[in-house]
């Protein structure tokens, strides 16, 4: 069997295909500047980018070889060091390189396209798609992270106002005490769908956080639910619990 015989294909929805590919391109380019850890095991370096239309995880070869029927183990993966597409499902032990089709060639060409004003506009739309997906996401069992509020406003301006510049790194250092731990006196939103301008941070799922962390980088640390277990964070725990329960308030 060769790569041309692989029955698995990248079949993205026509309406959002260009935006999905743009998200993959941003992560692919970001990896070349700053390699990241595998999103599955969090121990080995990531070597593949998931090409699933709605999952943008990065994984190591070991995790992908241990197949699990979920989005993170999508059959088609992009090798981050070479930019080649591989299928992990057609055979056991050795992924098959996918090549030959015009669609594959077009996607690979887009992934390697240089940054331009047109690409920046595409990025604006692609990241707004990610935001809409996050807004609609109801998987409250996912781990949730905290994104510093002022940076979140700059990201919103970039997504929604043509001509707005890209924000810099996520300024999570503003959420920290002098010793680097999360400040227990910050305010967090208590409702997923209501604006909360007086808060210090937004709450986002790990799925959006992974993208923001890789695409923009972080000043300071990544803070999440695991950082609010101690008794001094009891108030923040209430915020997060209410935030997660708030999806049940809307039919």
Protein backbone atom coordinates (compact mmCIF):
# COMPACT_ATOMS: atom_id res chain seq x y z
CA UNK A 1 0.00 0.00 0.00
CA UNK A 2 1.22 3.52 -0.74
CA UNK A 3 0.07 7.00 0.37
CA UNK A 4 -2.13 7.44 -2.70
CA UNK A 5 -4.22 4.41 -1.69
CA UNK A 6 -5.07 5.72 1.79
CA UNK A 7 -8.87 5.96 2.12
CA UNK A 8 -8.68 8.74 4.71
CA UNK A 9 -8.94 12.27 3.36
CA UNK A 10 -9.08 15.79 4.71
CA UNK A 11 -12.68 16.69 4.02
CA UNK A 12 -13.26 20.06 5.70
CA UNK A 13 -16.62 21.90 5.48
CA UNK A 14 -16.48 24.18 2.46
CA UNK A 15 -17.69 27.23 4.41
CA UNK A 16 -14.88 27.04 6.98
CA UNK A 17 -12.16 25.09 5.16
CA UNK A 18 -9.85 28.10 4.65
CA UNK A 19 -10.23 29.09 8.32
CA UNK A 20 -9.44 25.59 9.61
CA UNK A 21 -6.34 25.41 7.42
CA UNK A 22 -5.28 28.85 8.68
CA UNK A 23 -5.48 27.63 12.28
CA UNK A 24 -3.28 24.66 11.34
CA UNK A 25 -0.85 27.01 9.55
CA UNK A 26 -0.50 29.25 12.60
CA UNK A 27 0.24 26.30 14.88
CA UNK A 28 2.65 24.79 12.35
CA UNK A 29 4.57 28.08 12.08
CA UNK A 30 4.51 28.57 15.85
CA UNK A 31 6.02 25.13 16.39
CA UNK A 32 8.95 26.05 14.15
CA UNK A 33 9.68 29.00 16.45
CA UNK A 34 8.88 27.33 19.76
CA UNK A 35 8.36 23.53 19.92
CA UNK A 36 5.84 22.37 22.51
CA UNK A 37 5.07 19.29 24.58
CA UNK A 38 2.66 16.56 23.52
CA UNK A 39 -0.88 17.58 24.49
CA UNK A 40 -1.75 13.97 25.37
CA UNK A 41 1.09 12.83 27.66
CA UNK A 42 2.56 16.26 28.53
CA UNK A 43 6.03 14.68 28.83
CA UNK A 44 7.52 14.11 25.37
CA UNK A 45 7.99 16.75 22.69
CA UNK A 46 5.17 17.03 20.17
CA UNK A 47 6.09 15.87 16.66
CA UNK A 48 2.69 15.80 14.91
CA UNK A 49 -0.17 18.26 14.47
CA UNK A 50 -3.70 16.88 14.46
CA UNK A 51 -5.51 17.60 11.17
CA UNK A 52 -9.02 17.00 12.55
CA UNK A 53 -11.26 19.98 11.57
CA UNK A 54 -12.25 20.69 15.17
CA UNK A 55 -9.25 19.49 17.18
CA UNK A 56 -5.87 21.20 16.96
CA UNK A 57 -3.82 19.15 19.40
CA UNK A 58 -0.17 18.25 18.98
CA UNK A 59 1.15 14.83 19.92
CA UNK A 60 4.24 12.66 20.10
CA UNK A 61 4.72 9.52 18.03
CA UNK A 62 4.36 7.25 21.06
CA UNK A 63 0.90 8.55 21.92
CA UNK A 64 -0.30 8.36 18.32
CA UNK A 65 0.92 4.78 17.99
CA UNK A 66 -1.28 3.85 20.97
CA UNK A 67 -4.51 4.34 19.07
CA UNK A 68 -7.61 5.51 20.90
CA UNK A 69 -10.86 6.26 19.10
CA UNK A 70 -11.06 9.99 19.84
CA UNK A 71 -10.40 13.33 18.16
CA UNK A 72 -6.83 13.57 19.44
CA UNK A 73 -5.96 10.33 17.60
CA UNK A 74 -7.41 11.45 14.28
CA UNK A 75 -5.94 9.28 11.49
CA UNK A 76 -4.34 12.13 9.53
CA UNK A 77 -1.50 13.99 11.22
CA UNK A 78 1.01 16.56 9.99
CA UNK A 79 4.63 15.78 10.84
CA UNK A 80 5.86 19.07 12.29
CA UNK A 81 9.52 18.69 11.36
CA UNK A 82 8.92 17.87 7.68
CA UNK A 83 5.47 19.27 6.86
CA UNK A 84 4.39 15.88 5.46
CA UNK A 85 0.95 14.37 6.02
CA UNK A 86 0.71 10.85 7.44
CA UNK A 87 -2.10 8.39 8.12
CA UNK A 88 -1.82 6.46 11.40
CA UNK A 89 -4.79 4.17 10.88
CA UNK A 90 -4.21 2.26 7.67
CA UNK A 91 -1.38 0.12 9.02
CA UNK A 92 0.06 -0.84 12.37
CA UNK A 93 3.47 0.34 13.50
CA UNK A 94 4.39 2.66 10.65
CA UNK A 95 2.34 5.66 9.47
CA UNK A 96 1.86 6.07 5.72
CA UNK A 97 2.82 9.25 3.95
CA UNK A 98 -0.14 10.78 2.11
CA UNK A 99 0.67 12.43 -1.20
CA UNK A 100 -0.45 12.77 -4.78
CA UNK A 101 -3.89 14.38 -4.55
CA UNK A 102 -4.51 17.96 -5.60
CA UNK A 103 -6.34 18.65 -2.33
CA UNK A 104 -3.36 17.45 -0.28
CA UNK A 105 -0.99 19.59 -2.34
CA UNK A 106 -3.22 22.65 -1.91
CA UNK A 107 -3.39 22.21 1.86
CA UNK A 108 0.38 21.77 2.18
CA UNK A 109 0.91 24.85 0.02
CA UNK A 110 -1.37 26.87 2.32
CA UNK A 111 0.43 25.64 5.42
CA UNK A 112 3.74 26.92 4.04
CA UNK A 113 2.40 30.27 2.81
CA UNK A 114 4.28 33.33 4.15
CA UNK A 115 2.58 35.85 6.45
CA UNK A 116 0.87 38.73 4.59
CA UNK A 117 -1.87 41.31 5.12
CA UNK A 118 -4.30 38.92 3.45
CA UNK A 119 -3.19 36.10 5.75
CA UNK A 120 -3.63 38.39 8.76
CA UNK A 121 -7.24 39.02 7.76
CA UNK A 122 -7.71 35.27 7.39
CA UNK A 123 -6.17 34.76 10.82
CA UNK A 124 -8.61 37.31 12.26
CA UNK A 125 -11.55 35.31 10.91
CA UNK A 126 -10.05 31.95 11.89
CA UNK A 127 -9.51 33.00 15.49
CA UNK A 128 -13.00 34.42 15.69
CA UNK A 129 -14.22 30.99 14.61
CA UNK A 130 -12.26 29.50 17.52
CA UNK A 131 -13.91 32.00 19.85
CA UNK A 132 -17.42 31.12 18.60
CA UNK A 133 -16.64 27.42 19.03
CA UNK A 134 -15.49 28.12 22.59
CA UNK A 135 -18.64 30.10 23.33
CA UNK A 136 -20.79 27.19 22.14
CA UNK A 137 -18.73 24.53 23.93
CA UNK A 138 -20.59 22.85 26.77
CA UNK A 139 -17.93 20.33 27.84
CA UNK A 140 -17.59 21.60 31.37
CA UNK A 141 -15.65 18.49 32.39
CA UNK A 142 -12.68 19.91 30.49
CA UNK A 143 -10.00 21.65 32.52
CA UNK A 144 -10.41 25.42 32.34
CA UNK A 145 -7.71 28.10 32.33
CA UNK A 146 -7.53 31.79 33.21
CA UNK A 147 -6.61 34.42 30.59
CA UNK A 148 -5.67 37.92 31.80
CA UNK A 149 -8.53 40.31 31.02
CA UNK A 150 -6.69 43.16 29.29
CA UNK A 151 -5.00 40.74 26.93
CA UNK A 152 -8.41 39.19 26.26
CA UNK A 153 -9.75 42.63 25.26
CA UNK A 154 -6.85 43.13 22.83
CA UNK A 155 -7.55 39.71 21.32
CA UNK A 156 -11.22 40.62 20.95
CA UNK A 157 -10.27 43.83 19.12
CA UNK A 158 -8.00 41.91 16.78
CA UNK A 159 -10.76 39.39 16.00
CA UNK A 160 -13.54 41.90 15.47
CA UNK A 161 -11.97 45.11 14.10
CA UNK A 162 -10.24 45.11 10.75
CA UNK A 163 -6.88 46.81 11.01
CA UNK A 164 -6.40 46.04 14.71
CA UNK A 165 -2.91 44.65 15.43
CA UNK A 166 -2.11 41.22 16.75
CA UNK A 167 -1.80 41.19 20.55
CA UNK A 168 1.54 40.17 22.04
CA UNK A 169 2.08 37.35 24.50
CA UNK A 170 -0.71 36.54 26.96
CA UNK A 171 0.02 38.75 30.00
CA UNK A 172 -0.76 36.23 32.72
CA UNK A 173 2.03 37.68 34.85
CA UNK A 174 -0.58 40.27 35.89
CA UNK A 175 -2.54 37.51 37.66
CA UNK A 176 0.39 36.51 39.86
CA UNK A 177 1.66 37.44 43.30
CA UNK A 178 5.32 38.36 43.74
CA UNK A 179 6.19 34.68 44.37
CA UNK A 180 4.66 33.61 41.03
CA UNK A 181 1.57 31.91 42.46
CA UNK A 182 -1.94 32.93 41.41
CA UNK A 183 -3.26 35.93 43.30
CA UNK A 184 -6.28 34.73 45.36
CA UNK A 185 -7.76 38.26 45.34
CA UNK A 186 -8.49 38.39 41.60
CA UNK A 187 -12.07 38.35 40.35
CA UNK A 188 -13.33 35.81 37.81
CA UNK A 189 -16.57 35.62 35.80
CA UNK A 190 -19.43 33.59 37.25
CA UNK A 191 -21.46 33.26 34.04
CA UNK A 192 -20.18 31.91 30.73
CA UNK A 193 -22.49 34.05 28.62
CA UNK A 194 -22.77 37.37 30.45
CA UNK A 195 -20.17 40.16 30.08
CA UNK A 196 -18.10 40.66 33.23
CA UNK A 197 -16.03 43.82 32.75
CA UNK A 198 -14.96 44.13 36.41
CA UNK A 199 -13.06 40.85 36.43
CA UNK A 200 -9.31 40.31 36.15
CA UNK A 201 -9.39 37.26 33.86
CA UNK A 202 -11.53 35.28 31.45
CA UNK A 203 -12.14 31.55 31.86
CA UNK A 204 -11.51 29.36 28.81
CA UNK A 205 -11.36 25.62 28.19
CA UNK A 206 -8.10 23.77 27.68
CA UNK A 207 -8.96 23.48 23.98
CA UNK A 208 -8.83 27.23 23.42
CA UNK A 209 -5.99 27.73 25.90
CA UNK A 210 -3.71 25.33 24.03
CA UNK A 211 -4.14 27.37 20.89
CA UNK A 212 -3.55 30.73 22.59
CA UNK A 213 -0.49 29.46 24.43
CA UNK A 214 1.12 28.14 21.24
CA UNK A 215 0.05 30.90 18.86
CA UNK A 216 0.91 33.84 21.14
CA UNK A 217 3.11 32.63 23.98
CA UNK A 218 2.64 33.50 27.66
CA UNK A 219 4.25 36.02 29.97
CA UNK A 220 4.23 34.37 33.36
CA UNK A 221 2.52 31.04 34.00
CA UNK A 222 -0.47 29.11 32.75
CA UNK A 223 -3.03 29.15 35.56
CA UNK A 224 -5.93 26.71 35.71
CA UNK A 225 -8.29 24.93 38.08
CA UNK A 226 -5.43 22.96 39.60
CA UNK A 227 -4.08 26.22 41.01
CA UNK A 228 -7.15 27.00 43.13
CA UNK A 229 -7.29 23.96 45.40
CA UNK A 230 -5.76 25.48 48.55
CA UNK A 231 -8.18 26.98 51.13
CA UNK A 232 -7.11 30.55 50.29
CA UNK A 233 -8.64 30.06 46.82
CA UNK A 234 -12.11 29.01 48.07
CA UNK A 235 -13.67 32.19 46.64
CA UNK A 236 -12.14 31.56 43.21
CA UNK A 237 -13.38 27.98 43.33
CA UNK A 238 -16.93 29.29 43.77
CA UNK A 239 -16.45 31.54 40.74
CA UNK A 240 -15.31 28.63 38.58
CA UNK A 241 -18.03 26.28 39.82
CA UNK A 242 -20.73 28.87 39.11
CA UNK A 243 -19.20 29.57 35.70
CA UNK A 244 -19.44 25.91 34.76
CA UNK A 245 -22.99 25.54 36.08
CA UNK A 246 -24.18 28.65 34.23
CA UNK A 247 -24.65 26.77 30.96
CA UNK A 248 -27.67 25.07 32.57
CA UNK A 249 -29.37 28.45 33.03
CA UNK A 250 -29.84 28.88 29.29
CA UNK A 251 -32.13 26.52 27.32
